[in-house]
Amino acid sequence: MTRRLAALATALAGVVTLASSLSANAPARQVYRIGDPVIDVLLKWCDPQALAAVTAIRMRRLMAATGLDAYPELAEAAETALAGEPRQPTDDSPVGRSLRQLAQDRVEAEQYLASLVNGVRPPVPAAELRRRVRRGDAAALLRFVLDGRPAAQLLAGEFQKQRIWDSKGWQEPLAWRAQAIADFGDVKVPAAELRAAEEAWLAVPEPVRGRVALIDAAPVRAHVNALIASGMDDRRIAELSGRVTTGFIDLLLHGSCTQVSVTNARSVLAIPVSDDPPPGDDD
């Protein structure tokens, strides 16, 4: 946790705070949000030119990471679009055919991954299937670029994909976030607004902070055990959560749940552990 907070502080140090020339109102354009208070405020105050620069950096990095840059026709089309001349590909063009094939590969890979729980053996290793899904996701984002969509929309879409990949356990959770914040290093943000965003980020319990869909059940199980050790029973925990059931808690404690939804985790982690000893304990 300390290392992550240090990395976050280092990345945020590059963000230039309030300048006297800033208007009191947000820029007059559509603002895209992903639910991360710090990234949302950076997207809000990033001007179009800076958004285009950040998009170019992150799109090139994403293409390299997923192998899209190995497709010459896609690499060339991407560079042309990122230079400010987007061209929508036709279905029968080399770019269009590659994008359609990558989309099909992604769908098939997702189906094979889903069938793994039933013991179905895929034609390629699971790691390759995950690479195909990520490559297909990156290709879908590339189409945004080629279609001339707003840079902020592309960035918001990419950040959401990163969070989904986090939830699937395909990468170190939130490892992408510090780099994303650093990419906005020259953005001028009102100091009070940035400070409020940082505080809102840190106010969320770490196991669910910045996460979507599913997380590892271990920290939630540990918190439930701590609640029980403090004298709280499963019925009271379920009641205070306002969401989970005693059946869920039983499955969690017996290790039947390896992952839990962020919503359920948040509701349980919000229950404070009492500092008072449970009734009957000796002083």
Foldseek 3Di string as FASTA:
>chain_A
DVVVVVLQVVLLVLAAEADPPDDPDWDPDDQDDQPQLQVSLLSRQQDQVLLLVLLLVVLVVLCVVLVVVVPVVLVVQLVCLSVPHAAQDDCPDPLNVVLVVLLVLLVVLVVVVVCVVVVDDDPDDNLVSVSSNSNNLSSVLSNCSNVVHRSNVSVSSVLVVLQVCVQVVVDPPPPCVSVSSNSSSHGYYHPVSNVVSVVVQVVQDVQLRPHFFKGFLVVLLVLVVLQVQQPDDLCVLCVQLVDDHSVVNVCSNVVVDGMDGSSSSRSNVVDDRDPDHHPPDDD
